[in-house]
Amino acid sequence: MDAPDQEKILSLTSKTRGDQAESLFSRARTQSMSLSRIVSEQDAASQAREAKTARLRELRLEKEAEHRVAAAALAALPKRTGKR
C-alpha cells in the first residue's frame, strides 16, 4: 500500500467516525429535548390539577358553610308542638 491509499483509508475512517459522532450527538440532543418537553407537559398537567383541586375545595367549603347557616337558621325557628 502506498501513502495516498493509506491517506484515503484514514480520511474515510475519520469521516465515518465523525458521522457516527454527529449521529450519536444528534440522537442524544433529540432525546434530551423530548425529555424536557415531557417534563414540561407533566408540570403543566400537575399545576392544572392542583388549580382545579383548589377551586373545587373552595366550592365545597362554600357549600358546607351555606348548609351550616341553613341548619342553624332551622334550629333557631320556633318548634311546633305536637298538638293541633
PDB file of N, CA and C in Angstrom:
ATOM      1  N   MET A   1       0.836  -1.170   0.000  1.00  0.00           N
ATOM      2  CA  MET A   1       0.000   0.000   0.000  1.00  0.00           C
ATOM      3  C   MET A   1       0.888   1.243   0.000  1.00  0.00           C
ATOM      4  N   ASP A   2       0.568   2.150  -0.870  1.00  0.00           N
ATOM      5  CA  ASP A   2       1.372   3.366  -0.878  1.00  0.00           C
ATOM      6  C   ASP A   2       0.691   4.449  -0.044  1.00  0.00           C
ATOM      7  N   ALA A   3       1.352   5.538   0.165  1.00  0.00           N
ATOM      8  CA  ALA A   3       0.894   6.604   1.059  1.00  0.00           C
ATOM      9  C   ALA A   3      -0.446   7.209   0.652  1.00  0.00           C
ATOM     10  N   PRO A   4      -0.733   7.484  -0.651  1.00  0.00           N
ATOM     11  CA  PRO A   4      -2.028   8.071  -0.996  1.00  0.00           C
ATOM     12  C   PRO A   4      -3.196   7.150  -0.642  1.00  0.00           C
ATOM     13  N   ASP A   5      -3.046   5.846  -0.846  1.00  0.00           N
ATOM     14  CA  ASP A   5      -4.116   4.912  -0.486  1.00  0.00           C
ATOM     15  C   ASP A   5      -4.353   4.910   1.019  1.00  0.00           C
ATOM     16  N   GLN A   6      -3.282   4.957   1.757  1.00  0.00           N
ATOM     17  CA  GLN A   6      -3.378   4.963   3.210  1.00  0.00           C
ATOM     18  C   GLN A   6      -4.074   6.243   3.697  1.00  0.00           C
ATOM     19  N   GLU A   7      -3.792   7.364   3.054  1.00  0.00           N
ATOM     20  CA  GLU A   7      -4.442   8.623   3.414  1.00  0.00           C
ATOM     21  C   GLU A   7      -5.939   8.565   3.132  1.00  0.00           C
ATOM     22  N   LYS A   8      -6.323   7.915   2.017  1.00  0.00           N
ATOM     23  CA  LYS A   8      -7.739   7.770   1.682  1.00  0.00           C
ATOM     24  C   LYS A   8      -8.462   6.957   2.751  1.00  0.00           C
ATOM     25  N   ILE A   9      -7.834   5.851   3.148  1.00  0.00           N
ATOM     26  CA  ILE A   9      -8.435   4.989   4.166  1.00  0.00           C
ATOM     27  C   ILE A   9      -8.589   5.750   5.484  1.00  0.00           C
ATOM     28  N   LEU A  10      -7.544   6.467   5.881  1.00  0.00           N
ATOM     29  CA  LEU A  10      -7.604   7.226   7.128  1.00  0.00           C
ATOM     30  C   LEU A  10      -8.660   8.326   7.064  1.00  0.00           C
ATOM     31  N   SER A  11      -8.758   8.988   5.912  1.00  0.00           N
ATOM     32  CA  SER A  11      -9.752  10.053   5.805  1.00  0.00           C
ATOM     33  C   SER A  11     -11.164   9.473   5.796  1.00  0.00           C
ATOM     34  N   LEU A  12     -11.350   8.291   5.196  1.00  0.00           N
ATOM     35  CA  LEU A  12     -12.667   7.653   5.190  1.00  0.00           C
ATOM     36  C   LEU A  12     -13.075   7.232   6.599  1.00  0.00           C
ATOM     37  N   THR A  13     -12.133   6.617   7.331  1.00  0.00           N
ATOM     38  CA  THR A  13     -12.474   6.199   8.690  1.00  0.00           C
ATOM     39  C   THR A  13     -12.695   7.414   9.579  1.00  0.00           C
ATOM     40  N   SER A  14     -11.930   8.456   9.365  1.00  0.00           N
ATOM     41  CA  SER A  14     -12.111   9.677  10.141  1.00  0.00           C
ATOM     42  C   SER A  14     -13.477  10.290   9.842  1.00  0.00           C
ATOM     43  N   LYS A  15     -13.850  10.299   8.570  1.00  0.00           N
ATOM     44  CA  LYS A  15     -15.146  10.848   8.179  1.00  0.00           C
ATOM     45  C   LYS A  15     -16.274   9.986   8.738  1.00  0.00           C
ATOM     46  N   THR A  16     -16.103   8.667   8.672  1.00  0.00           N
ATOM     47  CA  THR A  16     -17.115   7.755   9.199  1.00  0.00           C
ATOM     48  C   THR A  16     -17.274   7.957  10.703  1.00  0.00           C
ATOM     49  N   ARG A  17     -16.171   8.081  11.405  1.00  0.00           N
ATOM     50  CA  ARG A  17     -16.237   8.315  12.852  1.00  0.00           C
ATOM     51  C   ARG A  17     -16.895   9.654  13.156  1.00  0.00           C
ATOM     52  N   GLY A  18     -16.587  10.636  12.362  1.00  0.00           N
ATOM     53  CA  GLY A  18     -17.213  11.946  12.544  1.00  0.00           C
ATOM     54  C   GLY A  18     -18.709  11.870  12.320  1.00  0.00           C
ATOM     55  N   ASP A  19     -19.113  11.135  11.287  1.00  0.00           N
ATOM     56  CA  ASP A  19     -20.542  10.960  11.017  1.00  0.00           C
ATOM     57  C   ASP A  19     -21.222  10.214  12.163  1.00  0.00           C
ATOM     58  N   GLN A  20     -20.535   9.192  12.676  1.00  0.00           N
ATOM     59  CA  GLN A  20     -21.102   8.436  13.796  1.00  0.00           C
ATOM     60  C   GLN A  20     -21.246   9.327  15.032  1.00  0.00           C
ATOM     61  N   ALA A  21     -20.217  10.123  15.281  1.00  0.00           N
ATOM     62  CA  ALA A  21     -20.265  11.024  16.437  1.00  0.00           C
ATOM     63  C   ALA A  21     -21.392  12.039  16.272  1.00  0.00           C
ATOM     64  N   GLU A  22     -21.513  12.578  15.066  1.00  0.00           N
ATOM     65  CA  GLU A  22     -22.593  13.534  14.784  1.00  0.00           C
ATOM     66  C   GLU A  22     -23.954  12.884  14.997  1.00  0.00           C
ATOM     67  N   SER A  23     -24.094  11.651  14.529  1.00  0.00           N
ATOM     68  CA  SER A  23     -25.352  10.926  14.666  1.00  0.00           C
ATOM     69  C   SER A  23     -25.681  10.681  16.141  1.00  0.00           C
ATOM     70  N   LEU A  24     -24.688  10.246  16.905  1.00  0.00           N
ATOM     71  CA  LEU A  24     -24.903   9.997  18.334  1.00  0.00           C
ATOM     72  C   LEU A  24     -25.266  11.288  19.067  1.00  0.00           C
ATOM     73  N   PHE A  25     -24.565  12.360  18.750  1.00  0.00           N
ATOM     74  CA  PHE A  25     -24.850  13.642  19.389  1.00  0.00           C
ATOM     75  C   PHE A  25     -26.256  14.111  19.045  1.00  0.00           C
ATOM     76  N   SER A  26     -26.616  13.977  17.790  1.00  0.00           N
ATOM     77  CA  SER A  26     -27.950  14.388  17.343  1.00  0.00           C
ATOM     78  C   SER A  26     -29.027  13.578  18.055  1.00  0.00           C
ATOM     79  N   ARG A  27     -28.806  12.284  18.180  1.00  0.00           N
ATOM     80  CA  ARG A  27     -29.770  11.415  18.854  1.00  0.00           C
ATOM     81  C   ARG A  27     -29.895  11.805  20.334  1.00  0.00           C
ATOM     82  N   ALA A  28     -28.756  12.041  20.978  1.00  0.00           N
ATOM     83  CA  ALA A  28     -28.776  12.420  22.393  1.00  0.00           C
ATOM     84  C   ALA A  28     -29.484  13.759  22.586  1.00  0.00           C
ATOM     85  N   ARG A  29     -29.223  14.703  21.691  1.00  0.00           N
ATOM     86  CA  ARG A  29     -29.861  16.018  21.784  1.00  0.00           C
ATOM     87  C   ARG A  29     -31.377  15.891  21.599  1.00  0.00           C
ATOM     88  N   THR A  30     -31.794  15.064  20.643  1.00  0.00           N
ATOM     89  CA  THR A  30     -33.223  14.853  20.393  1.00  0.00           C
ATOM     90  C   THR A  30     -33.891  14.219  21.608  1.00  0.00           C
ATOM     91  N   GLN A  31     -33.229  13.227  22.201  1.00  0.00           N
ATOM     92  CA  GLN A  31     -33.787  12.575  23.389  1.00  0.00           C
ATOM     93  C   GLN A  31     -33.898  13.563  24.545  1.00  0.00           C
ATOM     94  N   SER A  32     -32.886  14.403  24.697  1.00  0.00           N
ATOM     95  CA  SER A  32     -32.897  15.396  25.766  1.00  0.00           C
ATOM     96  C   SER A  32     -34.031  16.392  25.570  1.00  0.00           C
ATOM     97  N   MET A  33     -34.233  16.830  24.337  1.00  0.00           N
ATOM     98  CA  MET A  33     -35.316  17.771  24.048  1.00  0.00           C
ATOM     99  C   MET A  33     -36.669  17.115  24.292  1.00  0.00           C
ATOM    100  N   SER A  34     -36.795  15.847  23.917  1.00  0.00           N
ATOM    101  CA  SER A  34     -38.049  15.124  24.138  1.00  0.00           C
ATOM    102  C   SER A  34     -38.325  14.986  25.631  1.00  0.00           C
ATOM    103  N   LEU A  35     -37.298  14.651  26.383  1.00  0.00           N
ATOM    104  CA  LEU A  35     -37.448  14.509  27.830  1.00  0.00           C
ATOM    105  C   LEU A  35     -37.850  15.839  28.461  1.00  0.00           C
ATOM    106  N   SER A  36     -37.231  16.916  28.020  1.00  0.00           N
ATOM    107  CA  SER A  36     -37.578  18.240  28.545  1.00  0.00           C
ATOM    108  C   SER A  36     -39.033  18.578  28.246  1.00  0.00           C
ATOM    109  N   ARG A  37     -39.486  18.253  27.037  1.00  0.00           N
ATOM    110  CA  ARG A  37     -40.870  18.529  26.660  1.00  0.00           C
ATOM    111  C   ARG A  37     -41.829  17.713  27.521  1.00  0.00           C
ATOM    112  N   ILE A  38     -41.497  16.446  27.748  1.00  0.00           N
ATOM    113  CA  ILE A  38     -42.351  15.573  28.561  1.00  0.00           C
ATOM    114  C   ILE A  38     -42.443  16.103  29.992  1.00  0.00           C
ATOM    115  N   VAL A  39     -41.312  16.486  30.559  1.00  0.00           N
ATOM    116  CA  VAL A  39     -41.298  17.015  31.926  1.00  0.00           C
ATOM    117  C   VAL A  39     -42.113  18.300  32.000  1.00  0.00           C
ATOM    118  N   SER A  40     -41.966  19.146  30.997  1.00  0.00           N
ATOM    119  CA  SER A  40     -42.724  20.397  30.956  1.00  0.00           C
ATOM    120  C   SER A  40     -44.226  20.127  30.886  1.00  0.00           C
ATOM    121  N   GLU A  41     -44.626  19.168  30.064  1.00  0.00           N
ATOM    122  CA  GLU A  41     -46.044  18.819  29.948  1.00  0.00           C
ATOM    123  C   GLU A  41     -46.577  18.249  31.257  1.00  0.00           C
ATOM    124  N   GLN A  42     -45.759  17.430  31.926  1.00  0.00           N
ATOM    125  CA  GLN A  42     -46.186  16.867  33.206  1.00  0.00           C
ATOM    126  C   GLN A  42     -46.341  17.960  34.257  1.00  0.00           C
ATOM    127  N   ASP A  43     -45.418  18.925  34.262  1.00  0.00           N
ATOM    128  CA  ASP A  43     -45.523  20.039  35.203  1.00  0.00           C
ATOM    129  C   ASP A  43     -46.789  20.850  34.950  1.00  0.00           C
ATOM    130  N   ALA A  44     -47.083  21.099  33.685  1.00  0.00           N
ATOM    131  CA  ALA A  44     -48.284  21.865  33.338  1.00  0.00           C
ATOM    132  C   ALA A  44     -49.538  21.113  33.772  1.00  0.00           C
ATOM    133  N   ALA A  45     -49.562  19.810  33.547  1.00  0.00           N
ATOM    134  CA  ALA A  45     -50.721  18.999  33.944  1.00  0.00           C
ATOM    135  C   ALA A  45     -50.871  18.994  35.464  1.00  0.00           C
ATOM    136  N   SER A  46     -49.757  18.909  36.160  1.00  0.00           N
ATOM    137  CA  SER A  46     -49.788  18.906  37.622  1.00  0.00           C
ATOM    138  C   SER A  46     -50.308  20.243  38.158  1.00  0.00           C
ATOM    139  N   GLN A  47     -49.845  21.343  37.583  1.00  0.00           N
ATOM    140  CA  GLN A  47     -50.316  22.662  38.012  1.00  0.00           C
ATOM    141  C   GLN A  47     -51.802  22.833  37.728  1.00  0.00           C
ATOM    142  N   ALA A  48     -52.250  22.351  36.583  1.00  0.00           N
ATOM    143  CA  ALA A  48     -53.674  22.448  36.240  1.00  0.00           C
ATOM    144  C   ALA A  48     -54.510  21.632  37.217  1.00  0.00           C
ATOM    145  N   ARG A  49     -54.031  20.433  37.564  1.00  0.00           N
ATOM    146  CA  ARG A  49     -54.752  19.578  38.508  1.00  0.00           C
ATOM    147  C   ARG A  49     -54.826  20.238  39.884  1.00  0.00           C
ATOM    148  N   GLU A  50     -53.708  20.830  40.331  1.00  0.00           N
ATOM    149  CA  GLU A  50     -53.696  21.498  41.635  1.00  0.00           C
ATOM    150  C   GLU A  50     -54.641  22.696  41.650  1.00  0.00           C
ATOM    151  N   ALA A  51     -54.684  23.452  40.563  1.00  0.00           N
ATOM    152  CA  ALA A  51     -55.586  24.608  40.481  1.00  0.00           C
ATOM    153  C   ALA A  51     -57.041  24.154  40.522  1.00  0.00           C
ATOM    154  N   LYS A  52     -57.346  23.085  39.795  1.00  0.00           N
ATOM    155  CA  LYS A  52     -58.719  22.570  39.778  1.00  0.00           C
ATOM    156  C   LYS A  52     -59.107  22.054  41.164  1.00  0.00           C
ATOM    157  N   THR A  53     -58.192  21.354  41.821  1.00  0.00           N
ATOM    158  CA  THR A  53     -58.458  20.831  43.157  1.00  0.00           C
ATOM    159  C   THR A  53     -58.726  21.974  44.133  1.00  0.00           C
ATOM    160  N   ALA A  54     -57.931  23.037  44.051  1.00  0.00           N
ATOM    161  CA  ALA A  54     -58.131  24.186  44.939  1.00  0.00           C
ATOM    162  C   ALA A  54     -59.480  24.844  44.672  1.00  0.00           C
ATOM    163  N   ARG A  55     -59.844  24.979  43.397  1.00  0.00           N
ATOM    164  CA  ARG A  55     -61.132  25.592  43.047  1.00  0.00           C
ATOM    165  C   ARG A  55     -62.286  24.747  43.573  1.00  0.00           C
ATOM    166  N   LEU A  56     -62.201  23.423  43.387  1.00  0.00           N
ATOM    167  CA  LEU A  56     -63.264  22.534  43.865  1.00  0.00           C
ATOM    168  C   LEU A  56     -63.345  22.530  45.389  1.00  0.00           C
ATOM    169  N   ARG A  57     -62.199  22.625  46.058  1.00  0.00           N
ATOM    170  CA  ARG A  57     -62.187  22.672  47.525  1.00  0.00           C
ATOM    171  C   ARG A  57     -62.901  23.937  48.003  1.00  0.00           C
ATOM    172  N   GLU A  58     -62.617  25.066  47.364  1.00  0.00           N
ATOM    173  CA  GLU A  58     -63.284  26.321  47.729  1.00  0.00           C
ATOM    174  C   GLU A  58     -64.794  26.213  47.546  1.00  0.00           C
ATOM    175  N   LEU A  59     -65.219  25.637  46.433  1.00  0.00           N
ATOM    176  CA  LEU A  59     -66.656  25.469  46.192  1.00  0.00           C
ATOM    177  C   LEU A  59     -67.294  24.569  47.247  1.00  0.00           C
ATOM    178  N   ARG A  60     -66.602  23.486  47.599  1.00  0.00           N
ATOM    179  CA  ARG A  60     -67.127  22.565  48.610  1.00  0.00           C
ATOM    180  C   ARG A  60     -67.235  23.256  49.960  1.00  0.00           C
ATOM    181  N   LEU A  61     -66.213  24.013  50.338  1.00  0.00           N
ATOM    182  CA  LEU A  61     -66.242  24.710  51.625  1.00  0.00           C
ATOM    183  C   LEU A  61     -67.357  25.752  51.669  1.00  0.00           C
ATOM    184  N   GLU A  62     -67.585  26.456  50.555  1.00  0.00           N
ATOM    185  CA  GLU A  62     -68.690  27.423  50.498  1.00  0.00           C
ATOM    186  C   GLU A  62     -70.032  26.720  50.680  1.00  0.00           C
ATOM    187  N   LYS A  63     -70.193  25.593  50.007  1.00  0.00           N
ATOM    188  CA  LYS A  63     -71.449  24.836  50.092  1.00  0.00           C
ATOM    189  C   LYS A  63     -71.671  24.332  51.520  1.00  0.00           C
ATOM    190  N   GLU A  64     -70.616  23.819  52.150  1.00  0.00           N
ATOM    191  CA  GLU A  64     -70.737  23.341  53.523  1.00  0.00           C
ATOM    192  C   GLU A  64     -71.092  24.485  54.467  1.00  0.00           C
ATOM    193  N   ALA A  65     -70.515  25.658  54.246  1.00  0.00           N
ATOM    194  CA  ALA A  65     -70.825  26.819  55.091  1.00  0.00           C
ATOM    195  C   ALA A  65     -72.285  27.226  54.917  1.00  0.00           C
ATOM    196  N   GLU A  66     -72.766  27.203  53.677  1.00  0.00           N
ATOM    197  CA  GLU A  66     -74.177  27.526  53.430  1.00  0.00           C
ATOM    198  C   GLU A  66     -75.094  26.534  54.135  1.00  0.00           C
ATOM    199  N   HIS A  67     -74.726  25.253  54.115  1.00  0.00           N
ATOM    200  CA  HIS A  67     -75.540  24.240  54.797  1.00  0.00           C
ATOM    201  C   HIS A  67     -75.535  24.454  56.309  1.00  0.00           C
ATOM    202  N   ARG A  68     -74.390  24.837  56.863  1.00  0.00           N
ATOM    203  CA  ARG A  68     -74.324  25.103  58.304  1.00  0.00           C
ATOM    204  C   ARG A  68     -75.204  26.295  58.676  1.00  0.00           C
ATOM    205  N   VAL A  69     -75.179  27.336  57.841  1.00  0.00           N
ATOM    206  CA  VAL A  69     -76.016  28.516  58.108  1.00  0.00           C
ATOM    207  C   VAL A  69     -77.487  28.137  58.022  1.00  0.00           C
ATOM    208  N   ALA A  70     -77.848  27.352  57.017  1.00  0.00           N
ATOM    209  CA  ALA A  70     -79.246  26.928  56.853  1.00  0.00           C
ATOM    210  C   ALA A  70     -79.679  26.055  58.026  1.00  0.00           C
ATOM    211  N   ALA A  71     -78.816  25.169  58.477  1.00  0.00           N
ATOM    212  CA  ALA A  71     -79.147  24.298  59.610  1.00  0.00           C
ATOM    213  C   ALA A  71     -79.315  25.128  60.879  1.00  0.00           C
ATOM    214  N   ALA A  72     -78.470  26.133  61.066  1.00  0.00           N
ATOM    215  CA  ALA A  72     -78.580  26.997  62.241  1.00  0.00           C
ATOM    216  C   ALA A  72     -79.873  27.804  62.184  1.00  0.00           C
ATOM    217  N   ALA A  73     -80.250  28.247  60.998  1.00  0.00           N
ATOM    218  CA  ALA A  73     -81.499  29.011  60.843  1.00  0.00           C
ATOM    219  C   ALA A  73     -82.700  28.131  61.162  1.00  0.00           C
ATOM    220  N   LEU A  74     -82.672  26.880  60.714  1.00  0.00           N
ATOM    221  CA  LEU A  74     -83.770  25.955  61.017  1.00  0.00           C
ATOM    222  C   LEU A  74     -83.837  25.659  62.509  1.00  0.00           C
ATOM    223  N   ALA A  75     -82.693  25.537  63.134  1.00  0.00           N
ATOM    224  CA  ALA A  75     -82.670  25.249  64.564  1.00  0.00           C
ATOM    225  C   ALA A  75     -83.193  26.440  65.363  1.00  0.00           C
ATOM    226  N   ALA A  76     -83.043  27.635  64.846  1.00  0.00           N
ATOM    227  CA  ALA A  76     -83.480  28.836  65.558  1.00  0.00           C
ATOM    228  C   ALA A  76     -84.978  29.076  65.428  1.00  0.00           C
ATOM    229  N   LEU A  77     -85.627  28.434  64.474  1.00  0.00           N
ATOM    230  CA  LEU A  77     -87.071  28.605  64.310  1.00  0.00           C
ATOM    231  C   LEU A  77     -87.792  28.007  65.507  1.00  0.00           C
ATOM    232  N   PRO A  78     -88.932  28.608  65.877  1.00  0.00           N
ATOM    233  CA  PRO A  78     -89.693  28.029  66.998  1.00  0.00           C
ATOM    234  C   PRO A  78     -90.192  26.639  66.611  1.00  0.00           C
ATOM    235  N   LYS A  79     -90.135  25.767  67.583  1.00  0.00           N
ATOM    236  CA  LYS A  79     -90.552  24.393  67.313  1.00  0.00           C
ATOM    237  C   LYS A  79     -92.053  24.287  67.441  1.00  0.00           C
ATOM    238  N   ARG A  80     -92.602  23.494  66.584  1.00  0.00           N
ATOM    239  CA  ARG A  80     -94.051  23.259  66.646  1.00  0.00           C
ATOM    240  C   ARG A  80     -94.351  22.274  67.766  1.00  0.00           C
ATOM    241  N   THR A  81     -95.482  22.456  68.317  1.00  0.00           N
ATOM    242  CA  THR A  81     -95.915  21.478  69.311  1.00  0.00           C
ATOM    243  C   THR A  81     -96.667  20.388  68.588  1.00  0.00           C
ATOM    244  N   GLY A  82     -96.772  19.279  69.180  1.00  0.00           N
ATOM    245  CA  GLY A  82     -97.430  18.148  68.545  1.00  0.00           C
ATOM    246  C   GLY A  82     -98.942  18.299  68.472  1.00  0.00           C
ATOM    247  N   LYS A  83     -99.544  19.224  69.226  1.00  0.00           N
ATOM    248  CA  LYS A  83    -100.999  19.383  69.255  1.00  0.00           C
ATOM    249  C   LYS A  83    -101.446  20.341  68.166  1.00  0.00           C
ATOM    250  N   ARG A  84    -102.635  20.045  67.647  1.00  0.00           N
ATOM    251  CA  ARG A  84    -103.242  20.950  66.668  1.00  0.00           C
ATOM    252  C   ARG A  84    -104.593  21.354  67.106  1.00  0.00           C
TER     253      ARG A  84
END
